[in-house]
PDB file of N, CA and C in Angstrom:
ATOM      1  N   UNK A   1      -0.214 -18.217  22.287  1.00  0.00           N
ATOM      2  CA  UNK A   1      -1.591 -17.842  21.994  1.00  0.00           C
ATOM      3  C   UNK A   1      -2.346 -19.014  21.366  1.00  0.00           C
ATOM      4  N   UNK A   2      -1.689 -19.790  20.496  1.00  0.00           N
ATOM      5  CA  UNK A   2      -2.361 -20.879  19.817  1.00  0.00           C
ATOM      6  C   UNK A   2      -2.721 -22.015  20.776  1.00  0.00           C
ATOM      7  N   UNK A   3      -2.097 -22.058  21.965  1.00  0.00           N
ATOM      8  CA  UNK A   3      -2.459 -23.073  22.943  1.00  0.00           C
ATOM      9  C   UNK A   3      -3.861 -22.837  23.464  1.00  0.00           C
ATOM     10  N   UNK A   4      -4.272 -21.577  23.546  1.00  0.00           N
ATOM     11  CA  UNK A   4      -5.584 -21.239  24.093  1.00  0.00           C
ATOM     12  C   UNK A   4      -6.646 -21.118  23.010  1.00  0.00           C
ATOM     13  N   UNK A   5      -6.287 -20.634  21.845  1.00  0.00           N
ATOM     14  CA  UNK A   5      -7.257 -20.358  20.782  1.00  0.00           C
ATOM     15  C   UNK A   5      -7.115 -21.416  19.699  1.00  0.00           C
ATOM     16  N   UNK A   6      -8.135 -22.228  19.525  1.00  0.00           N
ATOM     17  CA  UNK A   6      -8.161 -23.261  18.491  1.00  0.00           C
ATOM     18  C   UNK A   6      -9.413 -23.099  17.652  1.00  0.00           C
ATOM     19  N   UNK A   7      -9.277 -23.275  16.366  1.00  0.00           N
ATOM     20  CA  UNK A   7     -10.417 -23.224  15.473  1.00  0.00           C
ATOM     21  C   UNK A   7     -10.831 -24.626  15.078  1.00  0.00           C
ATOM     22  N   UNK A   8     -12.117 -24.852  14.961  1.00  0.00           N
ATOM     23  CA  UNK A   8     -12.645 -26.145  14.538  1.00  0.00           C
ATOM     24  C   UNK A   8     -13.464 -25.952  13.271  1.00  0.00           C
ATOM     25  N   UNK A   9     -14.006 -27.031  12.760  1.00  0.00           N
ATOM     26  CA  UNK A   9     -14.833 -26.931  11.565  1.00  0.00           C
ATOM     27  C   UNK A   9     -16.104 -26.129  11.856  1.00  0.00           C
ATOM     28  N   UNK A  10     -16.652 -26.278  13.066  1.00  0.00           N
ATOM     29  CA  UNK A  10     -17.876 -25.547  13.418  1.00  0.00           C
ATOM     30  C   UNK A  10     -17.609 -24.089  13.781  1.00  0.00           C
ATOM     31  N   UNK A  11     -16.460 -23.849  14.388  1.00  0.00           N
ATOM     32  CA  UNK A  11     -16.105 -22.497  14.824  1.00  0.00           C
ATOM     33  C   UNK A  11     -14.628 -22.232  14.498  1.00  0.00           C
ATOM     34  N   UNK A  12     -14.335 -21.809  13.257  1.00  0.00           N
ATOM     35  CA  UNK A  12     -12.940 -21.607  12.870  1.00  0.00           C
ATOM     36  C   UNK A  12     -12.319 -20.379  13.540  1.00  0.00           C
ATOM     37  N   UNK A  13     -11.014 -20.230  13.355  1.00  0.00           N
ATOM     38  CA  UNK A  13     -10.247 -19.154  13.992  1.00  0.00           C
ATOM     39  C   UNK A  13     -10.053 -17.998  13.015  1.00  0.00           C
ATOM     40  N   UNK A  14     -10.355 -16.794  13.479  1.00  0.00           N
ATOM     41  CA  UNK A  14     -10.104 -15.576  12.711  1.00  0.00           C
ATOM     42  C   UNK A  14      -8.775 -15.003  13.189  1.00  0.00           C
ATOM     43  N   UNK A  15      -7.740 -15.146  12.370  1.00  0.00           N
ATOM     44  CA  UNK A  15      -6.395 -14.709  12.725  1.00  0.00           C
ATOM     45  C   UNK A  15      -6.088 -13.388  12.029  1.00  0.00           C
ATOM     46  N   UNK A  16      -5.609 -12.424  12.793  1.00  0.00           N
ATOM     47  CA  UNK A  16      -5.291 -11.096  12.263  1.00  0.00           C
ATOM     48  C   UNK A  16      -3.788 -10.871  12.383  1.00  0.00           C
ATOM     49  N   UNK A  17      -3.166 -10.465  11.286  1.00  0.00           N
ATOM     50  CA  UNK A  17      -1.756 -10.086  11.278  1.00  0.00           C
ATOM     51  C   UNK A  17      -1.661  -8.672  10.731  1.00  0.00           C
ATOM     52  N   UNK A  18      -0.906  -7.843  11.419  1.00  0.00           N
ATOM     53  CA  UNK A  18      -0.715  -6.487  10.919  1.00  0.00           C
ATOM     54  C   UNK A  18       0.769  -6.215  10.765  1.00  0.00           C
ATOM     55  N   UNK A  19       1.107  -5.604   9.646  1.00  0.00           N
ATOM     56  CA  UNK A  19       2.477  -5.171   9.428  1.00  0.00           C
ATOM     57  C   UNK A  19       2.495  -3.645   9.569  1.00  0.00           C
ATOM     58  N   UNK A  20       3.589  -3.047   9.215  1.00  0.00           N
ATOM     59  CA  UNK A  20       3.705  -1.607   9.360  1.00  0.00           C
ATOM     60  C   UNK A  20       2.694  -0.861   8.497  1.00  0.00           C
ATOM     61  N   UNK A  21       2.455  -1.348   7.282  1.00  0.00           N
ATOM     62  CA  UNK A  21       1.576  -0.636   6.349  1.00  0.00           C
ATOM     63  C   UNK A  21       0.295  -1.378   5.986  1.00  0.00           C
ATOM     64  N   UNK A  22       0.240  -2.670   6.187  1.00  0.00           N
ATOM     65  CA  UNK A  22      -0.901  -3.454   5.723  1.00  0.00           C
ATOM     66  C   UNK A  22      -1.469  -4.314   6.845  1.00  0.00           C
ATOM     67  N   UNK A  23      -2.667  -4.866   6.591  1.00  0.00           N
ATOM     68  CA  UNK A  23      -3.315  -5.765   7.545  1.00  0.00           C
ATOM     69  C   UNK A  23      -3.863  -6.962   6.774  1.00  0.00           C
ATOM     70  N   UNK A  24      -3.731  -8.131   7.383  1.00  0.00           N
ATOM     71  CA  UNK A  24      -4.139  -9.387   6.772  1.00  0.00           C
ATOM     72  C   UNK A  24      -5.031 -10.128   7.763  1.00  0.00           C
ATOM     73  N   UNK A  25      -6.051 -10.808   7.242  1.00  0.00           N
ATOM     74  CA  UNK A  25      -6.937 -11.596   8.101  1.00  0.00           C
ATOM     75  C   UNK A  25      -7.289 -12.898   7.385  1.00  0.00           C
ATOM     76  N   UNK A  26      -7.287 -13.978   8.157  1.00  0.00           N
ATOM     77  CA  UNK A  26      -7.616 -15.295   7.622  1.00  0.00           C
ATOM     78  C   UNK A  26      -8.589 -15.994   8.554  1.00  0.00           C
ATOM     79  N   UNK A  27      -9.453 -16.795   7.977  1.00  0.00           N
ATOM     80  CA  UNK A  27     -10.304 -17.677   8.765  1.00  0.00           C
ATOM     81  C   UNK A  27      -9.791 -19.086   8.530  1.00  0.00           C
ATOM     82  N   UNK A  28      -9.346 -19.739   9.617  1.00  0.00           N
ATOM     83  CA  UNK A  28      -8.609 -20.995   9.534  1.00  0.00           C
ATOM     84  C   UNK A  28      -9.324 -22.088  10.318  1.00  0.00           C
ATOM     85  N   UNK A  29      -9.396 -23.272   9.721  1.00  0.00           N
ATOM     86  CA  UNK A  29      -9.881 -24.469  10.404  1.00  0.00           C
ATOM     87  C   UNK A  29      -8.645 -25.225  10.867  1.00  0.00           C
ATOM     88  N   UNK A  30      -8.351 -25.190  12.168  1.00  0.00           N
ATOM     89  CA  UNK A  30      -7.140 -25.813  12.695  1.00  0.00           C
ATOM     90  C   UNK A  30      -7.195 -27.336  12.694  1.00  0.00           C
ATOM     91  N   UNK A  31      -8.371 -27.918  12.676  1.00  0.00           N
ATOM     92  CA  UNK A  31      -8.455 -29.376  12.691  1.00  0.00           C
ATOM     93  C   UNK A  31      -7.953 -29.979  11.380  1.00  0.00           C
ATOM     94  N   UNK A  32      -8.134 -29.266  10.268  1.00  0.00           N
ATOM     95  CA  UNK A  32      -7.623 -29.736   8.976  1.00  0.00           C
ATOM     96  C   UNK A  32      -6.465 -28.887   8.468  1.00  0.00           C
ATOM     97  N   UNK A  33      -6.098 -27.849   9.213  1.00  0.00           N
ATOM     98  CA  UNK A  33      -4.992 -26.946   8.855  1.00  0.00           C
ATOM     99  C   UNK A  33      -5.209 -26.306   7.488  1.00  0.00           C
ATOM    100  N   UNK A  34      -6.432 -25.809   7.267  1.00  0.00           N
ATOM    101  CA  UNK A  34      -6.756 -25.167   5.992  1.00  0.00           C
ATOM    102  C   UNK A  34      -7.267 -23.754   6.221  1.00  0.00           C
ATOM    103  N   UNK A  35      -6.891 -22.863   5.328  1.00  0.00           N
ATOM    104  CA  UNK A  35      -7.433 -21.515   5.328  1.00  0.00           C
ATOM    105  C   UNK A  35      -8.745 -21.546   4.555  1.00  0.00           C
ATOM    106  N   UNK A  36      -9.829 -21.164   5.207  1.00  0.00           N
ATOM    107  CA  UNK A  36     -11.138 -21.209   4.574  1.00  0.00           C
ATOM    108  C   UNK A  36     -11.378 -19.977   3.710  1.00  0.00           C
ATOM    109  N   UNK A  37     -10.986 -18.821   4.204  1.00  0.00           N
ATOM    110  CA  UNK A  37     -11.084 -17.590   3.431  1.00  0.00           C
ATOM    111  C   UNK A  37     -10.119 -16.576   4.018  1.00  0.00           C
ATOM    112  N   UNK A  38      -9.787 -15.574   3.217  1.00  0.00           N
ATOM    113  CA  UNK A  38      -8.847 -14.564   3.686  1.00  0.00           C
ATOM    114  C   UNK A  38      -9.116 -13.237   2.986  1.00  0.00           C
ATOM    115  N   UNK A  39      -8.554 -12.187   3.565  1.00  0.00           N
ATOM    116  CA  UNK A  39      -8.629 -10.854   2.973  1.00  0.00           C
ATOM    117  C   UNK A  39      -7.450 -10.050   3.490  1.00  0.00           C
ATOM    118  N   UNK A  40      -6.997  -9.109   2.698  1.00  0.00           N
ATOM    119  CA  UNK A  40      -5.909  -8.238   3.123  1.00  0.00           C
ATOM    120  C   UNK A  40      -6.052  -6.895   2.433  1.00  0.00           C
ATOM    121  N   UNK A  41      -5.270  -5.943   2.881  1.00  0.00           N
ATOM    122  CA  UNK A  41      -5.317  -4.621   2.270  1.00  0.00           C
ATOM    123  C   UNK A  41      -4.621  -4.623   0.911  1.00  0.00           C
ATOM    124  N   UNK A  42      -4.042  -5.754   0.516  1.00  0.00           N
ATOM    125  CA  UNK A  42      -3.402  -5.883  -0.792  1.00  0.00           C
ATOM    126  C   UNK A  42      -4.278  -6.606  -1.813  1.00  0.00           C
ATOM    127  N   UNK A  43      -5.444  -7.111  -1.399  1.00  0.00           N
ATOM    128  CA  UNK A  43      -6.370  -7.754  -2.327  1.00  0.00           C
ATOM    129  C   UNK A  43      -6.855  -6.745  -3.371  1.00  0.00           C
ATOM    130  N   UNK A  44      -7.091  -7.199  -4.600  1.00  0.00           N
ATOM    131  CA  UNK A  44      -7.596  -6.278  -5.631  1.00  0.00           C
ATOM    132  C   UNK A  44      -8.920  -5.610  -5.249  1.00  0.00           C
ATOM    133  N   UNK A  45      -9.829  -6.373  -4.636  1.00  0.00           N
ATOM    134  CA  UNK A  45     -11.114  -5.787  -4.217  1.00  0.00           C
ATOM    135  C   UNK A  45     -10.912  -4.726  -3.148  1.00  0.00           C
ATOM    136  N   UNK A  46     -10.055  -5.024  -2.186  1.00  0.00           N
ATOM    137  CA  UNK A  46      -9.780  -4.069  -1.110  1.00  0.00           C
ATOM    138  C   UNK A  46      -9.090  -2.829  -1.660  1.00  0.00           C
ATOM    139  N   UNK A  47      -8.153  -3.016  -2.587  1.00  0.00           N
ATOM    140  CA  UNK A  47      -7.464  -1.877  -3.185  1.00  0.00           C
ATOM    141  C   UNK A  47      -8.442  -0.964  -3.911  1.00  0.00           C
ATOM    142  N   UNK A  48      -9.419  -1.580  -4.562  1.00  0.00           N
ATOM    143  CA  UNK A  48     -10.436  -0.805  -5.273  1.00  0.00           C
ATOM    144  C   UNK A  48     -11.271   0.025  -4.295  1.00  0.00           C
ATOM    145  N   UNK A  49     -11.693  -0.595  -3.194  1.00  0.00           N
ATOM    146  CA  UNK A  49     -12.467   0.129  -2.186  1.00  0.00           C
ATOM    147  C   UNK A  49     -11.627   1.221  -1.518  1.00  0.00           C
ATOM    148  N   UNK A  50     -10.356   0.941  -1.279  1.00  0.00           N
ATOM    149  CA  UNK A  50      -9.463   1.933  -0.673  1.00  0.00           C
ATOM    150  C   UNK A  50      -9.256   3.099  -1.631  1.00  0.00           C
ATOM    151  N   UNK A  51      -9.155   2.805  -2.931  1.00  0.00           N
ATOM    152  CA  UNK A  51      -8.979   3.864  -3.916  1.00  0.00           C
ATOM    153  C   UNK A  51     -10.201   4.771  -3.982  1.00  0.00           C
ATOM    154  N   UNK A  52     -11.402   4.191  -3.830  1.00  0.00           N
ATOM    155  CA  UNK A  52     -12.620   5.016  -3.808  1.00  0.00           C
ATOM    156  C   UNK A  52     -12.616   5.955  -2.612  1.00  0.00           C
ATOM    157  N   UNK A  53     -12.171   5.448  -1.460  1.00  0.00           N
ATOM    158  CA  UNK A  53     -12.075   6.282  -0.259  1.00  0.00           C
ATOM    159  C   UNK A  53     -10.996   7.347  -0.416  1.00  0.00           C
ATOM    160  N   UNK A  54      -9.927   7.019  -1.144  1.00  0.00           N
ATOM    161  CA  UNK A  54      -8.794   7.935  -1.292  1.00  0.00           C
ATOM    162  C   UNK A  54      -9.151   9.149  -2.141  1.00  0.00           C
ATOM    163  N   UNK A  55     -10.178   9.038  -2.968  1.00  0.00           N
ATOM    164  CA  UNK A  55     -10.590  10.191  -3.782  1.00  0.00           C
ATOM    165  C   UNK A  55     -11.108  11.314  -2.902  1.00  0.00           C
ATOM    166  N   UNK A  56     -11.715  10.955  -1.784  1.00  0.00           N
ATOM    167  CA  UNK A  56     -12.273  11.962  -0.891  1.00  0.00           C
ATOM    168  C   UNK A  56     -11.209  12.541   0.028  1.00  0.00           C
ATOM    169  N   UNK A  57     -10.380  11.694   0.591  1.00  0.00           N
ATOM    170  CA  UNK A  57      -9.319  12.143   1.496  1.00  0.00           C
ATOM    171  C   UNK A  57      -8.293  11.019   1.652  1.00  0.00           C
ATOM    172  N   UNK A  58      -7.246  11.283   2.392  1.00  0.00           N
ATOM    173  CA  UNK A  58      -6.221  10.266   2.650  1.00  0.00           C
ATOM    174  C   UNK A  58      -6.832   9.144   3.489  1.00  0.00           C
ATOM    175  N   UNK A  59      -6.515   7.907   3.141  1.00  0.00           N
ATOM    176  CA  UNK A  59      -7.072   6.751   3.834  1.00  0.00           C
ATOM    177  C   UNK A  59      -6.123   6.342   4.955  1.00  0.00           C
ATOM    178  N   UNK A  60      -6.636   6.304   6.175  1.00  0.00           N
ATOM    179  CA  UNK A  60      -5.824   5.908   7.322  1.00  0.00           C
ATOM    180  C   UNK A  60      -5.699   4.390   7.368  1.00  0.00           C
ATOM    181  N   UNK A  61      -4.751   3.912   8.155  1.00  0.00           N
ATOM    182  CA  UNK A  61      -4.558   2.472   8.323  1.00  0.00           C
ATOM    183  C   UNK A  61      -5.762   1.839   9.007  1.00  0.00           C
ATOM    184  N   UNK A  62      -6.399   2.591   9.898  1.00  0.00           N
ATOM    185  CA  UNK A  62      -7.593   2.086  10.581  1.00  0.00           C
ATOM    186  C   UNK A  62      -8.736   1.905   9.593  1.00  0.00           C
ATOM    187  N   UNK A  63      -8.882   2.834   8.665  1.00  0.00           N
ATOM    188  CA  UNK A  63      -9.930   2.726   7.652  1.00  0.00           C
ATOM    189  C   UNK A  63      -9.666   1.531   6.738  1.00  0.00           C
ATOM    190  N   UNK A  64      -8.394   1.293   6.421  1.00  0.00           N
ATOM    191  CA  UNK A  64      -8.042   0.111   5.624  1.00  0.00           C
ATOM    192  C   UNK A  64      -8.422  -1.162   6.370  1.00  0.00           C
ATOM    193  N   UNK A  65      -8.195  -1.192   7.685  1.00  0.00           N
ATOM    194  CA  UNK A  65      -8.560  -2.359   8.491  1.00  0.00           C
ATOM    195  C   UNK A  65     -10.064  -2.576   8.485  1.00  0.00           C
ATOM    196  N   UNK A  66     -10.836  -1.502   8.538  1.00  0.00           N
ATOM    197  CA  UNK A  66     -12.295  -1.620   8.484  1.00  0.00           C
ATOM    198  C   UNK A  66     -12.744  -2.191   7.144  1.00  0.00           C
ATOM    199  N   UNK A  67     -12.123  -1.761   6.063  1.00  0.00           N
ATOM    200  CA  UNK A  67     -12.460  -2.275   4.734  1.00  0.00           C
ATOM    201  C   UNK A  67     -12.130  -3.760   4.642  1.00  0.00           C
ATOM    202  N   UNK A  68     -10.980  -4.161   5.158  1.00  0.00           N
ATOM    203  CA  UNK A  68     -10.581  -5.571   5.150  1.00  0.00           C
ATOM    204  C   UNK A  68     -11.545  -6.398   6.006  1.00  0.00           C
ATOM    205  N   UNK A  69     -11.959  -5.871   7.155  1.00  0.00           N
ATOM    206  CA  UNK A  69     -12.907  -6.580   8.011  1.00  0.00           C
ATOM    207  C   UNK A  69     -14.248  -6.817   7.341  1.00  0.00           C
ATOM    208  N   UNK A  70     -14.754  -5.813   6.652  1.00  0.00           N
ATOM    209  CA  UNK A  70     -16.036  -5.982   5.964  1.00  0.00           C
ATOM    210  C   UNK A  70     -15.908  -6.940   4.789  1.00  0.00           C
ATOM    211  N   UNK A  71     -14.783  -6.875   4.068  1.00  0.00           N
ATOM    212  CA  UNK A  71     -14.553  -7.780   2.944  1.00  0.00           C
ATOM    213  C   UNK A  71     -14.431  -9.230   3.423  1.00  0.00           C
ATOM    214  N   UNK A  72     -13.697  -9.448   4.508  1.00  0.00           N
ATOM    215  CA  UNK A  72     -13.546 -10.794   5.065  1.00  0.00           C
ATOM    216  C   UNK A  72     -14.883 -11.346   5.535  1.00  0.00           C
ATOM    217  N   UNK A  73     -15.668 -10.527   6.199  1.00  0.00           N
ATOM    218  CA  UNK A  73     -16.975 -10.973   6.689  1.00  0.00           C
ATOM    219  C   UNK A  73     -17.895 -11.342   5.542  1.00  0.00           C
ATOM    220  N   UNK A  74     -17.868 -10.545   4.486  1.00  0.00           N
ATOM    221  CA  UNK A  74     -18.688 -10.846   3.313  1.00  0.00           C
ATOM    222  C   UNK A  74     -18.297 -12.196   2.722  1.00  0.00           C
ATOM    223  N   UNK A  75     -17.008 -12.450   2.601  1.00  0.00           N
ATOM    224  CA  UNK A  75     -16.532 -13.721   2.057  1.00  0.00           C
ATOM    225  C   UNK A  75     -16.880 -14.889   2.981  1.00  0.00           C
ATOM    226  N   UNK A  76     -16.775 -14.673   4.282  1.00  0.00           N
ATOM    227  CA  UNK A  76     -17.084 -15.738   5.241  1.00  0.00           C
ATOM    228  C   UNK A  76     -18.565 -16.086   5.217  1.00  0.00           C
ATOM    229  N   UNK A  77     -19.410 -15.087   5.192  1.00  0.00           N
ATOM    230  CA  UNK A  77     -20.853 -15.340   5.172  1.00  0.00           C
ATOM    231  C   UNK A  77     -21.270 -16.029   3.876  1.00  0.00           C
ATOM    232  N   UNK A  78     -20.608 -15.717   2.761  1.00  0.00           N
ATOM    233  CA  UNK A  78     -20.890 -16.403   1.502  1.00  0.00           C
ATOM    234  C   UNK A  78     -20.510 -17.879   1.574  1.00  0.00           C
ATOM    235  N   UNK A  79     -19.521 -18.226   2.379  1.00  0.00           N
ATOM    236  CA  UNK A  79     -19.113 -19.618   2.557  1.00  0.00           C
ATOM    237  C   UNK A  79     -19.902 -20.304   3.661  1.00  0.00           C
ATOM    238  N   UNK A  80     -20.788 -19.605   4.343  1.00  0.00           N
ATOM    239  CA  UNK A  80     -21.611 -20.199   5.390  1.00  0.00           C
ATOM    240  C   UNK A  80     -20.974 -20.179   6.768  1.00  0.00           C
ATOM    241  N   UNK A  81     -19.951 -19.366   6.956  1.00  0.00           N
ATOM    242  CA  UNK A  81     -19.279 -19.258   8.257  1.00  0.00           C
ATOM    243  C   UNK A  81     -19.927 -18.114   9.019  1.00  0.00           C
ATOM    244  N   UNK A  82     -20.503 -18.434  10.184  1.00  0.00           N
ATOM    245  CA  UNK A  82     -21.193 -17.407  10.967  1.00  0.00           C
ATOM    246  C   UNK A  82     -20.506 -17.100  12.281  1.00  0.00           C
ATOM    247  N   UNK A  83     -19.861 -18.095  12.879  1.00  0.00           N
ATOM    248  CA  UNK A  83     -19.202 -17.902  14.167  1.00  0.00           C
ATOM    249  C   UNK A  83     -17.727 -18.244  14.077  1.00  0.00           C
ATOM    250  N   UNK A  84     -16.897 -17.425  14.708  1.00  0.00           N
ATOM    251  CA  UNK A  84     -15.449 -17.647  14.702  1.00  0.00           C
ATOM    252  C   UNK A  84     -14.881 -17.405  16.094  1.00  0.00           C
ATOM    253  N   UNK A  85     -13.641 -17.855  16.298  1.00  0.00           N
ATOM    254  CA  UNK A  85     -12.873 -17.556  17.491  1.00  0.00           C
ATOM    255  C   UNK A  85     -11.848 -16.511  17.077  1.00  0.00           C
ATOM    256  N   UNK A  86     -11.725 -15.417  17.820  1.00  0.00           N
ATOM    257  CA  UNK A  86     -10.849 -14.316  17.420  1.00  0.00           C
ATOM    258  C   UNK A  86      -9.438 -14.525  17.949  1.00  0.00           C
ATOM    259  N   UNK A  87      -8.460 -14.484  17.052  1.00  0.00           N
ATOM    260  CA  UNK A  87      -7.038 -14.623  17.398  1.00  0.00           C
ATOM    261  C   UNK A  87      -6.338 -13.327  16.990  1.00  0.00           C
ATOM    262  N   UNK A  88      -5.958 -12.537  17.975  1.00  0.00           N
ATOM    263  CA  UNK A  88      -5.319 -11.251  17.680  1.00  0.00           C
ATOM    264  C   UNK A  88      -3.831 -11.383  17.457  1.00  0.00           C
ATOM    265  N   UNK A  89      -3.304 -12.610  17.529  1.00  0.00           N
ATOM    266  CA  UNK A  89      -1.915 -12.919  17.207  1.00  0.00           C
ATOM    267  C   UNK A  89      -0.919 -12.160  18.075  1.00  0.00           C
ATOM    268  N   UNK A  90      -1.249 -12.002  19.335  1.00  0.00           N
ATOM    269  CA  UNK A  90      -0.332 -11.343  20.261  1.00  0.00           C
ATOM    270  C   UNK A  90      -0.394  -9.833  20.260  1.00  0.00           C
ATOM    271  N   UNK A  91      -1.160  -9.242  19.350  1.00  0.00           N
ATOM    272  CA  UNK A  91      -1.305  -7.791  19.311  1.00  0.00           C
ATOM    273  C   UNK A  91      -2.323  -7.347  20.353  1.00  0.00           C
ATOM    274  N   UNK A  92      -2.192  -6.116  20.805  1.00  0.00           N
ATOM    275  CA  UNK A  92      -3.192  -5.569  21.714  1.00  0.00           C
ATOM    276  C   UNK A  92      -4.505  -5.382  20.971  1.00  0.00           C
ATOM    277  N   UNK A  93      -5.604  -5.524  21.690  1.00  0.00           N
ATOM    278  CA  UNK A  93      -6.921  -5.291  21.106  1.00  0.00           C
ATOM    279  C   UNK A  93      -7.139  -3.777  21.092  1.00  0.00           C
ATOM    280  N   UNK A  94      -6.529  -3.128  20.120  1.00  0.00           N
ATOM    281  CA  UNK A  94      -6.508  -1.671  20.067  1.00  0.00           C
ATOM    282  C   UNK A  94      -6.220  -1.262  18.618  1.00  0.00           C
ATOM    283  N   UNK A  95      -6.707  -0.126  18.215  1.00  0.00           N
ATOM    284  CA  UNK A  95      -6.363   0.416  16.904  1.00  0.00           C
ATOM    285  C   UNK A  95      -6.907  -0.386  15.752  1.00  0.00           C
ATOM    286  N   UNK A  96      -6.004  -0.797  14.868  1.00  0.00           N
ATOM    287  CA  UNK A  96      -6.412  -1.496  13.646  1.00  0.00           C
ATOM    288  C   UNK A  96      -7.027  -2.861  13.922  1.00  0.00           C
ATOM    289  N   UNK A  97      -6.497  -3.581  14.901  1.00  0.00           N
ATOM    290  CA  UNK A  97      -7.040  -4.908  15.244  1.00  0.00           C
ATOM    291  C   UNK A  97      -8.462  -4.758  15.771  1.00  0.00           C
ATOM    292  N   UNK A  98      -8.677  -3.781  16.620  1.00  0.00           N
ATOM    293  CA  UNK A  98     -10.007  -3.525  17.174  1.00  0.00           C
ATOM    294  C   UNK A  98     -10.974  -3.076  16.081  1.00  0.00           C
ATOM    295  N   UNK A  99     -10.519  -2.227  15.172  1.00  0.00           N
ATOM    296  CA  UNK A  99     -11.376  -1.742  14.087  1.00  0.00           C
ATOM    297  C   UNK A  99     -11.834  -2.894  13.201  1.00  0.00           C
ATOM    298  N   UNK A 100     -10.919  -3.787  12.854  1.00  0.00           N
ATOM    299  CA  UNK A 100     -11.272  -4.934  12.029  1.00  0.00           C
ATOM    300  C   UNK A 100     -12.285  -5.822  12.742  1.00  0.00           C
ATOM    301  N   UNK A 101     -12.067  -6.077  14.033  1.00  0.00           N
ATOM    302  CA  UNK A 101     -12.960  -6.940  14.799  1.00  0.00           C
ATOM    303  C   UNK A 101     -14.354  -6.335  14.933  1.00  0.00           C
ATOM    304  N   UNK A 102     -14.430  -5.054  15.214  1.00  0.00           N
ATOM    305  CA  UNK A 102     -15.739  -4.420  15.397  1.00  0.00           C
ATOM    306  C   UNK A 102     -16.541  -4.388  14.103  1.00  0.00           C
ATOM    307  N   UNK A 103     -15.883  -4.134  12.976  1.00  0.00           N
ATOM    308  CA  UNK A 103     -16.585  -4.134  11.691  1.00  0.00           C
ATOM    309  C   UNK A 103     -17.068  -5.544  11.354  1.00  0.00           C
ATOM    310  N   UNK A 104     -16.247  -6.552  11.647  1.00  0.00           N
ATOM    311  CA  UNK A 104     -16.654  -7.931  11.392  1.00  0.00           C
ATOM    312  C   UNK A 104     -17.871  -8.305  12.235  1.00  0.00           C
ATOM    313  N   UNK A 105     -17.901  -7.864  13.487  1.00  0.00           N
ATOM    314  CA  UNK A 105     -19.070  -8.124  14.355  1.00  0.00           C
ATOM    315  C   UNK A 105     -20.310  -7.440  13.812  1.00  0.00           C
ATOM    316  N   UNK A 106     -20.171  -6.189  13.432  1.00  0.00           N
ATOM    317  CA  UNK A 106     -21.327  -5.430  12.933  1.00  0.00           C
ATOM    318  C   UNK A 106     -21.858  -6.010  11.625  1.00  0.00           C
ATOM    319  N   UNK A 107     -20.952  -6.575  10.814  1.00  0.00           N
ATOM    320  CA  UNK A 107     -21.374  -7.134   9.534  1.00  0.00           C
ATOM    321  C   UNK A 107     -22.008  -8.518   9.653  1.00  0.00           C
ATOM    322  N   UNK A 108     -21.873  -9.172  10.828  1.00  0.00           N
ATOM    323  CA  UNK A 108     -22.590 -10.413  11.010  1.00  0.00           C
ATOM    324  C   UNK A 108     -21.810 -11.583  11.564  1.00  0.00           C
ATOM    325  N   UNK A 109     -20.492 -11.481  11.690  1.00  0.00           N
ATOM    326  CA  UNK A 109     -19.750 -12.579  12.313  1.00  0.00           C
ATOM    327  C   UNK A 109     -19.951 -12.570  13.817  1.00  0.00           C
ATOM    328  N   UNK A 110     -20.022 -13.739  14.422  1.00  0.00           N
ATOM    329  CA  UNK A 110     -20.221 -13.842  15.851  1.00  0.00           C
ATOM    330  C   UNK A 110     -18.964 -14.376  16.509  1.00  0.00           C
ATOM    331  N   UNK A 111     -18.427 -13.585  17.471  1.00  0.00           N
ATOM    332  CA  UNK A 111     -17.292 -14.036  18.293  1.00  0.00           C
ATOM    333  C   UNK A 111     -17.223 -13.224  19.548  1.00  0.00           C
TER     334      UNK A 111
END
């Protein structure tokens, strides 16, 4: 996958990794091999937002992915990152990966 998807300084790579219970997303500049910003369902801010949702009902994994997507987009826009290349890391564009991507698009990232 990395042979086809490369991130640059102008258009970094949005890499999504999902485990059984959590989801992680990073925006990476491959030319300098640096992570510009990241978010996961284990971040304190994300945990706080998930806890607010949990008061109303049980929080699904898809809802956690949406929260992580909005948090990542907010952090990226604060750093001046507007356009990214999407790297689904070999996962199907379905479920949690799709939810994170769609929320990031709606919040203002372009890919």
